[in-house]
Amino acid sequence: MNQTGSVGDITASQKVKKFTVPDEEWMQALKERRLHEVPWEMKNALYLEWFSDFNGRIVVQTTDYEITISERQWELDPDEHAAQQALNEADMEAYLEQLEKSLDQEIPENEEESKDEP
């Protein structure tokens, strides 16, 4: 399926907590509310975000990719960086507004009225 929409944040250097035990082990610890006992380390994660016209906000975040990083081919100057950051923030705001409108449409009118009453 083709994805169309606006690009959000993309990085391969986001730091995330990665458990150092098999998935089954940390999932069991989560169920038993002892996740704080599970060993972990900080890892770089690949983080891809975009705002799909069809699916809404899409995020792919993982530490399980093997990434080769080459020398920088270009770098944003401070003005370009600020402009890109503002564009990303505007895309997130537009997505959240669209989500809010969608959620408002799902609430039946009588439920909406009862929310306003004490």
PDB file of N, CA and C in Angstrom:
ATOM      1  N   MET A   1       0.840  -1.171   0.000  1.00  0.00           N
ATOM      2  CA  MET A   1       0.000   0.000   0.000  1.00  0.00           C
ATOM      3  C   MET A   1       0.889   1.239   0.000  1.00  0.00           C
ATOM      4  N   ASN A   2       0.572   2.177  -0.863  1.00  0.00           N
ATOM      5  CA  ASN A   2       1.307   3.435  -0.884  1.00  0.00           C
ATOM      6  C   ASN A   2       0.913   4.280   0.311  1.00  0.00           C
ATOM      7  N   GLN A   3       1.882   4.931   0.896  1.00  0.00           N
ATOM      8  CA  GLN A   3       1.645   5.831   2.013  1.00  0.00           C
ATOM      9  C   GLN A   3       1.924   7.249   1.534  1.00  0.00           C
ATOM     10  N   THR A   4       0.955   8.122   1.722  1.00  0.00           N
ATOM     11  CA  THR A   4       1.159   9.525   1.396  1.00  0.00           C
ATOM     12  C   THR A   4       0.873  10.346   2.645  1.00  0.00           C
ATOM     13  N   GLY A   5       1.543  11.471   2.773  1.00  0.00           N
ATOM     14  CA  GLY A   5       1.347  12.328   3.929  1.00  0.00           C
ATOM     15  C   GLY A   5       2.610  13.090   4.234  1.00  0.00           C
ATOM     16  N   SER A   6       2.683  13.611   5.431  1.00  0.00           N
ATOM     17  CA  SER A   6       3.816  14.432   5.851  1.00  0.00           C
ATOM     18  C   SER A   6       4.793  13.615   6.677  1.00  0.00           C
ATOM     19  N   VAL A   7       6.063  13.919   6.503  1.00  0.00           N
ATOM     20  CA  VAL A   7       7.115  13.259   7.274  1.00  0.00           C
ATOM     21  C   VAL A   7       7.221  13.918   8.635  1.00  0.00           C
ATOM     22  N   GLY A   8       7.409  13.113   9.662  1.00  0.00           N
ATOM     23  CA  GLY A   8       7.648  13.626  11.006  1.00  0.00           C
ATOM     24  C   GLY A   8       9.123  13.527  11.329  1.00  0.00           C
ATOM     25  N   ASP A   9       9.445  13.045  12.506  1.00  0.00           N
ATOM     26  CA  ASP A   9      10.842  12.906  12.918  1.00  0.00           C
ATOM     27  C   ASP A   9      11.428  11.609  12.381  1.00  0.00           C
ATOM     28  N   ILE A  10      12.669  11.689  11.955  1.00  0.00           N
ATOM     29  CA  ILE A  10      13.407  10.515  11.489  1.00  0.00           C
ATOM     30  C   ILE A  10      14.808  10.615  12.077  1.00  0.00           C
ATOM     31  N   THR A  11      15.211   9.570  12.802  1.00  0.00           N
ATOM     32  CA  THR A  11      16.553   9.566  13.379  1.00  0.00           C
ATOM     33  C   THR A  11      16.994   8.128  13.619  1.00  0.00           C
ATOM     34  N   ALA A  12      18.285   7.940  13.669  1.00  0.00           N
ATOM     35  CA  ALA A  12      18.842   6.626  14.022  1.00  0.00           C
ATOM     36  C   ALA A  12      19.649   6.744  15.304  1.00  0.00           C
ATOM     37  N   SER A  13      19.456   7.839  16.038  1.00  0.00           N
ATOM     38  CA  SER A  13      20.250   8.027  17.247  1.00  0.00           C
ATOM     39  C   SER A  13      19.396   8.325  18.476  1.00  0.00           C
ATOM     40  N   GLN A  14      18.125   7.996  18.419  1.00  0.00           N
ATOM     41  CA  GLN A  14      17.279   8.172  19.606  1.00  0.00           C
ATOM     42  C   GLN A  14      17.686   7.133  20.642  1.00  0.00           C
ATOM     43  N   LYS A  15      17.905   7.559  21.859  1.00  0.00           N
ATOM     44  CA  LYS A  15      18.294   6.635  22.928  1.00  0.00           C
ATOM     45  C   LYS A  15      17.044   6.059  23.584  1.00  0.00           C
ATOM     46  N   VAL A  16      16.996   4.731  23.695  1.00  0.00           N
ATOM     47  CA  VAL A  16      15.874   4.049  24.334  1.00  0.00           C
ATOM     48  C   VAL A  16      16.399   2.947  25.247  1.00  0.00           C
ATOM     49  N   LYS A  17      15.547   2.572  26.193  1.00  0.00           N
ATOM     50  CA  LYS A  17      15.859   1.484  27.105  1.00  0.00           C
ATOM     51  C   LYS A  17      15.558   0.166  26.388  1.00  0.00           C
ATOM     52  N   LYS A  18      16.519  -0.741  26.361  1.00  0.00           N
ATOM     53  CA  LYS A  18      16.359  -2.043  25.702  1.00  0.00           C
ATOM     54  C   LYS A  18      16.612  -3.122  26.742  1.00  0.00           C
ATOM     55  N   PHE A  19      15.618  -3.986  26.954  1.00  0.00           N
ATOM     56  CA  PHE A  19      15.797  -5.087  27.895  1.00  0.00           C
ATOM     57  C   PHE A  19      16.822  -6.072  27.349  1.00  0.00           C
ATOM     58  N   THR A  20      17.615  -6.651  28.234  1.00  0.00           N
ATOM     59  CA  THR A  20      18.682  -7.569  27.820  1.00  0.00           C
ATOM     60  C   THR A  20      18.312  -9.027  28.100  1.00  0.00           C
ATOM     61  N   VAL A  21      17.025  -9.286  28.218  1.00  0.00           N
ATOM     62  CA  VAL A  21      16.520 -10.642  28.438  1.00  0.00           C
ATOM     63  C   VAL A  21      15.533 -10.962  27.322  1.00  0.00           C
ATOM     64  N   PRO A  22      15.211 -12.230  27.112  1.00  0.00           N
ATOM     65  CA  PRO A  22      14.236 -12.587  26.077  1.00  0.00           C
ATOM     66  C   PRO A  22      12.877 -11.914  26.334  1.00  0.00           C
ATOM     67  N   ASP A  23      12.130 -11.678  25.268  1.00  0.00           N
ATOM     68  CA  ASP A  23      10.833 -11.012  25.366  1.00  0.00           C
ATOM     69  C   ASP A  23       9.909 -11.681  26.378  1.00  0.00           C
ATOM     70  N   GLU A  24       9.891 -12.999  26.383  1.00  0.00           N
ATOM     71  CA  GLU A  24       8.992 -13.723  27.290  1.00  0.00           C
ATOM     72  C   GLU A  24       9.282 -13.370  28.751  1.00  0.00           C
ATOM     73  N   GLU A  25      10.560 -13.183  29.053  1.00  0.00           N
ATOM     74  CA  GLU A  25      10.947 -12.903  30.438  1.00  0.00           C
ATOM     75  C   GLU A  25      10.490 -11.519  30.889  1.00  0.00           C
ATOM     76  N   TRP A  26      10.732 -10.483  30.064  1.00  0.00           N
ATOM     77  CA  TRP A  26      10.300  -9.152  30.497  1.00  0.00           C
ATOM     78  C   TRP A  26       8.788  -9.007  30.434  1.00  0.00           C
ATOM     79  N   MET A  27       8.131  -9.733  29.520  1.00  0.00           N
ATOM     80  CA  MET A  27       6.665  -9.692  29.460  1.00  0.00           C
ATOM     81  C   MET A  27       6.058 -10.320  30.717  1.00  0.00           C
ATOM     82  N   GLN A  28       6.656 -11.402  31.207  1.00  0.00           N
ATOM     83  CA  GLN A  28       6.195 -12.017  32.443  1.00  0.00           C
ATOM     84  C   GLN A  28       6.417 -11.071  33.624  1.00  0.00           C
ATOM     85  N   ALA A  29       7.569 -10.404  33.636  1.00  0.00           N
ATOM     86  CA  ALA A  29       7.852  -9.442  34.701  1.00  0.00           C
ATOM     87  C   ALA A  29       6.846  -8.289  34.662  1.00  0.00           C
ATOM     88  N   LEU A  30       6.446  -7.881  33.478  1.00  0.00           N
ATOM     89  CA  LEU A  30       5.445  -6.830  33.337  1.00  0.00           C
ATOM     90  C   LEU A  30       4.117  -7.273  33.943  1.00  0.00           C
ATOM     91  N   LYS A  31       3.704  -8.500  33.649  1.00  0.00           N
ATOM     92  CA  LYS A  31       2.455  -9.040  34.206  1.00  0.00           C
ATOM     93  C   LYS A  31       2.510  -9.101  35.729  1.00  0.00           C
ATOM     94  N   GLU A  32       3.679  -9.417  36.253  1.00  0.00           N
ATOM     95  CA  GLU A  32       3.855  -9.558  37.702  1.00  0.00           C
ATOM     96  C   GLU A  32       4.236  -8.238  38.383  1.00  0.00           C
ATOM     97  N   ARG A  33       4.227  -7.169  37.631  1.00  0.00           N
ATOM     98  CA  ARG A  33       4.543  -5.826  38.152  1.00  0.00           C
ATOM     99  C   ARG A  33       5.917  -5.752  38.802  1.00  0.00           C
ATOM    100  N   ARG A  34       6.889  -6.389  38.178  1.00  0.00           N
ATOM    101  CA  ARG A  34       8.266  -6.338  38.676  1.00  0.00           C
ATOM    102  C   ARG A  34       9.230  -6.006  37.543  1.00  0.00           C
ATOM    103  N   LEU A  35       8.746  -5.179  36.638  1.00  0.00           N
ATOM    104  CA  LEU A  35       9.550  -4.784  35.484  1.00  0.00           C
ATOM    105  C   LEU A  35      10.832  -4.060  35.911  1.00  0.00           C
ATOM    106  N   HIS A  36      10.780  -3.404  37.055  1.00  0.00           N
ATOM    107  CA  HIS A  36      11.958  -2.690  37.555  1.00  0.00           C
ATOM    108  C   HIS A  36      13.134  -3.633  37.849  1.00  0.00           C
ATOM    109  N   GLU A  37      12.863  -4.931  37.939  1.00  0.00           N
ATOM    110  CA  GLU A  37      13.923  -5.907  38.210  1.00  0.00           C
ATOM    111  C   GLU A  37      14.617  -6.404  36.941  1.00  0.00           C
ATOM    112  N   VAL A  38      14.047  -6.105  35.794  1.00  0.00           N
ATOM    113  CA  VAL A  38      14.570  -6.640  34.528  1.00  0.00           C
ATOM    114  C   VAL A  38      15.789  -5.833  34.086  1.00  0.00           C
ATOM    115  N   PRO A  39      16.898  -6.500  33.762  1.00  0.00           N
ATOM    116  CA  PRO A  39      18.098  -5.777  33.319  1.00  0.00           C
ATOM    117  C   PRO A  39      17.893  -5.138  31.938  1.00  0.00           C
ATOM    118  N   TRP A  40      18.509  -3.979  31.755  1.00  0.00           N
ATOM    119  CA  TRP A  40      18.375  -3.257  30.501  1.00  0.00           C
ATOM    120  C   TRP A  40      19.639  -2.448  30.232  1.00  0.00           C
ATOM    121  N   GLU A  41      19.710  -1.924  29.017  1.00  0.00           N
ATOM    122  CA  GLU A  41      20.794  -1.036  28.625  1.00  0.00           C
ATOM    123  C   GLU A  41      20.235   0.024  27.685  1.00  0.00           C
ATOM    124  N   MET A  42      20.944   1.124  27.554  1.00  0.00           N
ATOM    125  CA  MET A  42      20.534   2.167  26.622  1.00  0.00           C
ATOM    126  C   MET A  42      21.097   1.830  25.245  1.00  0.00           C
ATOM    127  N   LYS A  43      20.238   1.932  24.227  1.00  0.00           N
ATOM    128  CA  LYS A  43      20.638   1.623  22.855  1.00  0.00           C
ATOM    129  C   LYS A  43      20.147   2.727  21.932  1.00  0.00           C
ATOM    130  N   ASN A  44      20.811   2.865  20.793  1.00  0.00           N
ATOM    131  CA  ASN A  44      20.304   3.740  19.743  1.00  0.00           C
ATOM    132  C   ASN A  44      19.151   3.040  19.047  1.00  0.00           C
ATOM    133  N   ALA A  45      18.114   3.805  18.752  1.00  0.00           N
ATOM    134  CA  ALA A  45      16.963   3.248  18.054  1.00  0.00           C
ATOM    135  C   ALA A  45      16.757   3.969  16.728  1.00  0.00           C
ATOM    136  N   LEU A  46      16.298   3.214  15.764  1.00  0.00           N
ATOM    137  CA  LEU A  46      15.828   3.790  14.512  1.00  0.00           C
ATOM    138  C   LEU A  46      14.402   4.261  14.773  1.00  0.00           C
ATOM    139  N   TYR A  47      14.106   5.523  14.490  1.00  0.00           N
ATOM    140  CA  TYR A  47      12.791   6.108  14.746  1.00  0.00           C
ATOM    141  C   TYR A  47      12.311   6.769  13.461  1.00  0.00           C
ATOM    142  N   LEU A  48      11.214   6.251  12.924  1.00  0.00           N
ATOM    143  CA  LEU A  48      10.610   6.801  11.708  1.00  0.00           C
ATOM    144  C   LEU A  48       9.182   7.205  12.037  1.00  0.00           C
ATOM    145  N   GLU A  49       8.820   8.442  11.727  1.00  0.00           N
ATOM    146  CA  GLU A  49       7.469   8.923  12.007  1.00  0.00           C
ATOM    147  C   GLU A  49       6.948   9.621  10.760  1.00  0.00           C
ATOM    148  N   TRP A  50       5.699   9.325  10.416  1.00  0.00           N
ATOM    149  CA  TRP A  50       5.044  10.081   9.367  1.00  0.00           C
ATOM    150  C   TRP A  50       3.551  10.138   9.655  1.00  0.00           C
ATOM    151  N   PHE A  51       2.883  11.075   8.990  1.00  0.00           N
ATOM    152  CA  PHE A  51       1.457  11.291   9.183  1.00  0.00           C
ATOM    153  C   PHE A  51       0.757  10.910   7.889  1.00  0.00           C
ATOM    154  N   SER A  52       0.223   9.713   7.869  1.00  0.00           N
ATOM    155  CA  SER A  52      -0.391   9.151   6.687  1.00  0.00           C
ATOM    156  C   SER A  52      -1.770   9.753   6.458  1.00  0.00           C
ATOM    157  N   ASP A  53      -2.064  10.072   5.203  1.00  0.00           N
ATOM    158  CA  ASP A  53      -3.395  10.564   4.859  1.00  0.00           C
ATOM    159  C   ASP A  53      -4.447   9.482   5.071  1.00  0.00           C
ATOM    160  N   PHE A  54      -4.038   8.225   5.059  1.00  0.00           N
ATOM    161  CA  PHE A  54      -4.974   7.103   5.172  1.00  0.00           C
ATOM    162  C   PHE A  54      -5.009   6.506   6.572  1.00  0.00           C
ATOM    163  N   ASN A  55      -3.837   6.329   7.197  1.00  0.00           N
ATOM    164  CA  ASN A  55      -3.749   5.613   8.471  1.00  0.00           C
ATOM    165  C   ASN A  55      -3.507   6.492   9.697  1.00  0.00           C
ATOM    166  N   GLY A  56      -3.330   7.774   9.531  1.00  0.00           N
ATOM    167  CA  GLY A  56      -3.023   8.633  10.672  1.00  0.00           C
ATOM    168  C   GLY A  56      -1.533   8.631  10.977  1.00  0.00           C
ATOM    169  N   ARG A  57      -1.196   8.740  12.230  1.00  0.00           N
ATOM    170  CA  ARG A  57       0.214   8.811  12.636  1.00  0.00           C
ATOM    171  C   ARG A  57       0.811   7.411  12.655  1.00  0.00           C
ATOM    172  N   ILE A  58       1.936   7.260  11.994  1.00  0.00           N
ATOM    173  CA  ILE A  58       2.647   5.994  11.925  1.00  0.00           C
ATOM    174  C   ILE A  58       4.020   6.196  12.553  1.00  0.00           C
ATOM    175  N   VAL A  59       4.402   5.296  13.472  1.00  0.00           N
ATOM    176  CA  VAL A  59       5.725   5.348  14.095  1.00  0.00           C
ATOM    177  C   VAL A  59       6.341   3.957  14.034  1.00  0.00           C
ATOM    178  N   VAL A  60       7.556   3.906  13.565  1.00  0.00           N
ATOM    179  CA  VAL A  60       8.358   2.686  13.605  1.00  0.00           C
ATOM    180  C   VAL A  60       9.557   3.008  14.476  1.00  0.00           C
ATOM    181  N   GLN A  61       9.719   2.245  15.552  1.00  0.00           N
ATOM    182  CA  GLN A  61      10.842   2.477  16.473  1.00  0.00           C
ATOM    183  C   GLN A  61      11.401   1.113  16.862  1.00  0.00           C
ATOM    184  N   THR A  62      12.683   0.923  16.631  1.00  0.00           N
ATOM    185  CA  THR A  62      13.285  -0.365  16.950  1.00  0.00           C
ATOM    186  C   THR A  62      14.779  -0.230  17.164  1.00  0.00           C
ATOM    187  N   THR A  63      15.300  -1.154  17.936  1.00  0.00           N
ATOM    188  CA  THR A  63      16.747  -1.261  18.100  1.00  0.00           C
ATOM    189  C   THR A  63      17.264  -2.494  17.368  1.00  0.00           C
ATOM    190  N   ASP A  64      16.382  -3.208  16.697  1.00  0.00           N
ATOM    191  CA  ASP A  64      16.729  -4.486  16.080  1.00  0.00           C
ATOM    192  C   ASP A  64      17.206  -4.376  14.634  1.00  0.00           C
ATOM    193  N   TYR A  65      17.476  -3.176  14.167  1.00  0.00           N
ATOM    194  CA  TYR A  65      18.001  -3.014  12.823  1.00  0.00           C
ATOM    195  C   TYR A  65      19.505  -2.871  12.877  1.00  0.00           C
ATOM    196  N   GLU A  66      20.151  -3.360  11.874  1.00  0.00           N
ATOM    197  CA  GLU A  66      21.582  -3.114  11.736  1.00  0.00           C
ATOM    198  C   GLU A  66      21.733  -1.908  10.832  1.00  0.00           C
ATOM    199  N   ILE A  67      22.351  -0.869  11.344  1.00  0.00           N
ATOM    200  CA  ILE A  67      22.446   0.388  10.613  1.00  0.00           C
ATOM    201  C   ILE A  67      23.906   0.717  10.367  1.00  0.00           C
ATOM    202  N   THR A  68      24.201   1.087   9.144  1.00  0.00           N
ATOM    203  CA  THR A  68      25.528   1.572   8.805  1.00  0.00           C
ATOM    204  C   THR A  68      25.413   3.065   8.567  1.00  0.00           C
ATOM    205  N   ILE A  69      26.182   3.834   9.277  1.00  0.00           N
ATOM    206  CA  ILE A  69      26.104   5.285   9.162  1.00  0.00           C
ATOM    207  C   ILE A  69      27.329   5.780   8.414  1.00  0.00           C
ATOM    208  N   SER A  70      27.078   6.505   7.339  1.00  0.00           N
ATOM    209  CA  SER A  70      28.168   7.047   6.534  1.00  0.00           C
ATOM    210  C   SER A  70      28.474   8.470   6.991  1.00  0.00           C
ATOM    211  N   GLU A  71      29.489   9.061   6.404  1.00  0.00           N
ATOM    212  CA  GLU A  71      29.788  10.461   6.667  1.00  0.00           C
ATOM    213  C   GLU A  71      28.589  11.297   6.226  1.00  0.00           C
ATOM    214  N   ARG A  72      28.361  12.407   6.921  1.00  0.00           N
ATOM    215  CA  ARG A  72      27.245  13.277   6.560  1.00  0.00           C
ATOM    216  C   ARG A  72      27.437  13.820   5.154  1.00  0.00           C
ATOM    217  N   GLN A  73      26.367  13.753   4.394  1.00  0.00           N
ATOM    218  CA  GLN A  73      26.399  14.294   3.043  1.00  0.00           C
ATOM    219  C   GLN A  73      25.976  15.762   3.045  1.00  0.00           C
ATOM    220  N   TRP A  74      25.176  16.131   4.040  1.00  0.00           N
ATOM    221  CA  TRP A  74      24.732  17.514   4.205  1.00  0.00           C
ATOM    222  C   TRP A  74      24.270  17.682   5.644  1.00  0.00           C
ATOM    223  N   GLU A  75      24.130  18.919   6.045  1.00  0.00           N
ATOM    224  CA  GLU A  75      23.683  19.226   7.397  1.00  0.00           C
ATOM    225  C   GLU A  75      22.844  20.496   7.348  1.00  0.00           C
ATOM    226  N   LEU A  76      21.763  20.497   8.093  1.00  0.00           N
ATOM    227  CA  LEU A  76      20.925  21.690   8.156  1.00  0.00           C
ATOM    228  C   LEU A  76      21.646  22.789   8.920  1.00  0.00           C
ATOM    229  N   ASP A  77      21.537  24.018   8.410  1.00  0.00           N
ATOM    230  CA  ASP A  77      22.054  25.133   9.205  1.00  0.00           C
ATOM    231  C   ASP A  77      21.008  25.448  10.281  1.00  0.00           C
ATOM    232  N   PRO A  78      21.332  26.284  11.258  1.00  0.00           N
ATOM    233  CA  PRO A  78      20.389  26.547  12.358  1.00  0.00           C
ATOM    234  C   PRO A  78      19.008  27.022  11.888  1.00  0.00           C
ATOM    235  N   ASP A  79      18.947  27.853  10.861  1.00  0.00           N
ATOM    236  CA  ASP A  79      17.657  28.336  10.350  1.00  0.00           C
ATOM    237  C   ASP A  79      16.870  27.198   9.698  1.00  0.00           C
ATOM    238  N   GLU A  80      17.544  26.369   8.923  1.00  0.00           N
ATOM    239  CA  GLU A  80      16.874  25.228   8.284  1.00  0.00           C
ATOM    240  C   GLU A  80      16.386  24.233   9.341  1.00  0.00           C
ATOM    241  N   HIS A  81      17.206  24.025  10.374  1.00  0.00           N
ATOM    242  CA  HIS A  81      16.830  23.112  11.454  1.00  0.00           C
ATOM    243  C   HIS A  81      15.575  23.622  12.163  1.00  0.00           C
ATOM    244  N   ALA A  82      15.532  24.915  12.484  1.00  0.00           N
ATOM    245  CA  ALA A  82      14.370  25.511  13.154  1.00  0.00           C
ATOM    246  C   ALA A  82      13.130  25.414  12.261  1.00  0.00           C
ATOM    247  N   ALA A  83      13.297  25.653  10.969  1.00  0.00           N
ATOM    248  CA  ALA A  83      12.163  25.563  10.033  1.00  0.00           C
ATOM    249  C   ALA A  83      11.640  24.136   9.952  1.00  0.00           C
ATOM    250  N   GLN A  84      12.527  23.151   9.906  1.00  0.00           N
ATOM    251  CA  GLN A  84      12.104  21.749   9.848  1.00  0.00           C
ATOM    252  C   GLN A  84      11.399  21.348  11.131  1.00  0.00           C
ATOM    253  N   GLN A  85      11.922  21.794  12.271  1.00  0.00           N
ATOM    254  CA  GLN A  85      11.302  21.490  13.558  1.00  0.00           C
ATOM    255  C   GLN A  85       9.906  22.107  13.639  1.00  0.00           C
ATOM    256  N   ALA A  86       9.744  23.339  13.159  1.00  0.00           N
ATOM    257  CA  ALA A  86       8.434  23.993  13.163  1.00  0.00           C
ATOM    258  C   ALA A  86       7.458  23.258  12.252  1.00  0.00           C
ATOM    259  N   LEU A  87       7.938  22.790  11.110  1.00  0.00           N
ATOM    260  CA  LEU A  87       7.092  22.022  10.189  1.00  0.00           C
ATOM    261  C   LEU A  87       6.648  20.707  10.829  1.00  0.00           C
ATOM    262  N   ASN A  88       7.553  20.012  11.497  1.00  0.00           N
ATOM    263  CA  ASN A  88       7.211  18.766  12.184  1.00  0.00           C
ATOM    264  C   ASN A  88       6.170  19.015  13.273  1.00  0.00           C
ATOM    265  N   GLU A  89       6.342  20.094  14.029  1.00  0.00           N
ATOM    266  CA  GLU A  89       5.384  20.423  15.089  1.00  0.00           C
ATOM    267  C   GLU A  89       4.015  20.767  14.500  1.00  0.00           C
ATOM    268  N   ALA A  90       3.999  21.495  13.383  1.00  0.00           N
ATOM    269  CA  ALA A  90       2.727  21.838  12.723  1.00  0.00           C
ATOM    270  C   ALA A  90       2.026  20.583  12.215  1.00  0.00           C
ATOM    271  N   ASP A  91       2.792  19.636  11.679  1.00  0.00           N
ATOM    272  CA  ASP A  91       2.206  18.369  11.213  1.00  0.00           C
ATOM    273  C   ASP A  91       1.613  17.586  12.378  1.00  0.00           C
ATOM    274  N   MET A  92       2.289  17.578  13.532  1.00  0.00           N
ATOM    275  CA  MET A  92       1.765  16.889  14.711  1.00  0.00           C
ATOM    276  C   MET A  92       0.478  17.564  15.185  1.00  0.00           C
ATOM    277  N   GLU A  93       0.458  18.898  15.214  1.00  0.00           N
ATOM    278  CA  GLU A  93      -0.749  19.623  15.620  1.00  0.00           C
ATOM    279  C   GLU A  93      -1.911  19.328  14.672  1.00  0.00           C
ATOM    280  N   ALA A  94      -1.646  19.317  13.381  1.00  0.00           N
ATOM    281  CA  ALA A  94      -2.697  19.016  12.400  1.00  0.00           C
ATOM    282  C   ALA A  94      -3.227  17.604  12.603  1.00  0.00           C
ATOM    283  N   TYR A  95      -2.331  16.662  12.866  1.00  0.00           N
ATOM    284  CA  TYR A  95      -2.747  15.282  13.124  1.00  0.00           C
ATOM    285  C   TYR A  95      -3.629  15.212  14.365  1.00  0.00           C
ATOM    286  N   LEU A  96      -3.221  15.880  15.454  1.00  0.00           N
ATOM    287  CA  LEU A  96      -3.995  15.854  16.691  1.00  0.00           C
ATOM    288  C   LEU A  96      -5.364  16.515  16.515  1.00  0.00           C
ATOM    289  N   GLU A  97      -5.426  17.607  15.739  1.00  0.00           N
ATOM    290  CA  GLU A  97      -6.716  18.253  15.462  1.00  0.00           C
ATOM    291  C   GLU A  97      -7.631  17.316  14.681  1.00  0.00           C
ATOM    292  N   GLN A  98      -7.072  16.641  13.688  1.00  0.00           N
ATOM    293  CA  GLN A  98      -7.857  15.693  12.894  1.00  0.00           C
ATOM    294  C   GLN A  98      -8.336  14.542  13.778  1.00  0.00           C
ATOM    295  N   LEU A  99      -7.486  14.060  14.659  1.00  0.00           N
ATOM    296  CA  LEU A  99      -7.862  12.988  15.572  1.00  0.00           C
ATOM    297  C   LEU A  99      -8.989  13.448  16.494  1.00  0.00           C
ATOM    298  N   GLU A 100      -8.887  14.664  17.017  1.00  0.00           N
ATOM    299  CA  GLU A 100      -9.920  15.193  17.909  1.00  0.00           C
ATOM    300  C   GLU A 100     -11.258  15.304  17.181  1.00  0.00           C
ATOM    301  N   LYS A 101     -11.241  15.775  15.942  1.00  0.00           N
ATOM    302  CA  LYS A 101     -12.478  15.864  15.156  1.00  0.00           C
ATOM    303  C   LYS A 101     -13.089  14.487  14.941  1.00  0.00           C
ATOM    304  N   SER A 102     -12.244  13.503  14.645  1.00  0.00           N
ATOM    305  CA  SER A 102     -12.726  12.140  14.438  1.00  0.00           C
ATOM    306  C   SER A 102     -13.360  11.584  15.701  1.00  0.00           C
ATOM    307  N   LEU A 103     -12.728  11.820  16.840  1.00  0.00           N
ATOM    308  CA  LEU A 103     -13.262  11.336  18.111  1.00  0.00           C
ATOM    309  C   LEU A 103     -14.569  12.033  18.460  1.00  0.00           C
ATOM    310  N   ASP A 104     -14.656  13.343  18.187  1.00  0.00           N
ATOM    311  CA  ASP A 104     -15.888  14.086  18.453  1.00  0.00           C
ATOM    312  C   ASP A 104     -17.047  13.539  17.624  1.00  0.00           C
ATOM    313  N   GLN A 105     -16.773  13.112  16.398  1.00  0.00           N
ATOM    314  CA  GLN A 105     -17.816  12.578  15.529  1.00  0.00           C
ATOM    315  C   GLN A 105     -18.322  11.228  16.014  1.00  0.00           C
ATOM    316  N   GLU A 106     -17.499  10.503  16.751  1.00  0.00           N
ATOM    317  CA  GLU A 106     -17.878   9.180  17.237  1.00  0.00           C
ATOM    318  C   GLU A 106     -18.762   9.230  18.478  1.00  0.00           C
ATOM    319  N   ILE A 107     -18.807  10.377  19.166  1.00  0.00           N
ATOM    320  CA  ILE A 107     -19.614  10.496  20.384  1.00  0.00           C
ATOM    321  C   ILE A 107     -21.038  10.856  19.988  1.00  0.00           C
ATOM    322  N   PRO A 108     -22.036  10.022  20.304  1.00  0.00           N
ATOM    323  CA  PRO A 108     -23.426  10.349  19.984  1.00  0.00           C
ATOM    324  C   PRO A 108     -23.838  11.640  20.688  1.00  0.00           C
ATOM    325  N   GLU A 109     -24.789  12.366  20.066  1.00  0.00           N
ATOM    326  CA  GLU A 109     -25.197  13.667  20.588  1.00  0.00           C
ATOM    327  C   GLU A 109     -25.677  13.597  22.030  1.00  0.00           C
ATOM    328  N   ASN A 110     -26.484  12.589  22.395  1.00  0.00           N
ATOM    329  CA  ASN A 110     -26.999  12.520  23.755  1.00  0.00           C
ATOM    330  C   ASN A 110     -25.880  12.315  24.768  1.00  0.00           C
ATOM    331  N   GLU A 111     -24.809  11.614  24.393  1.00  0.00           N
ATOM    332  CA  GLU A 111     -23.660  11.453  25.294  1.00  0.00           C
ATOM    333  C   GLU A 111     -22.914  12.766  25.442  1.00  0.00           C
ATOM    334  N   GLU A 112     -22.811  13.526  24.356  1.00  0.00           N
ATOM    335  CA  GLU A 112     -22.132  14.815  24.380  1.00  0.00           C
ATOM    336  C   GLU A 112     -22.854  15.762  25.335  1.00  0.00           C
ATOM    337  N   GLU A 113     -24.205  15.774  25.271  1.00  0.00           N
ATOM    338  CA  GLU A 113     -24.983  16.645  26.146  1.00  0.00           C
ATOM    339  C   GLU A 113     -24.832  16.235  27.603  1.00  0.00           C
ATOM    340  N   SER A 114     -24.808  14.943  27.874  1.00  0.00           N
ATOM    341  CA  SER A 114     -24.709  14.490  29.258  1.00  0.00           C
ATOM    342  C   SER A 114     -23.339  14.787  29.876  1.00  0.00           C
ATOM    343  N   LYS A 115     -22.321  14.939  29.013  1.00  0.00           N
ATOM    344  CA  LYS A 115     -20.990  15.296  29.525  1.00  0.00           C
ATOM    345  C   LYS A 115     -20.987  16.714  30.097  1.00  0.00           C
ATOM    346  N   ASP A 116     -21.822  17.592  29.522  1.00  0.00           N
ATOM    347  CA  ASP A 116     -21.851  18.990  29.953  1.00  0.00           C
ATOM    348  C   ASP A 116     -22.660  19.187  31.231  1.00  0.00           C
ATOM    349  N   GLU A 117     -23.516  18.243  31.547  1.00  0.00           N
ATOM    350  CA  GLU A 117     -24.377  18.361  32.725  1.00  0.00           C
ATOM    351  C   GLU A 117     -23.626  17.907  33.973  1.00  0.00           C
ATOM    352  N   PRO A 118     -23.868  18.588  35.136  1.00  0.00           N
ATOM    353  CA  PRO A 118     -23.165  18.167  36.370  1.00  0.00           C
ATOM    354  C   PRO A 118     -23.642  16.837  36.892  1.00  0.00           C
TER     355      PRO A 118
END
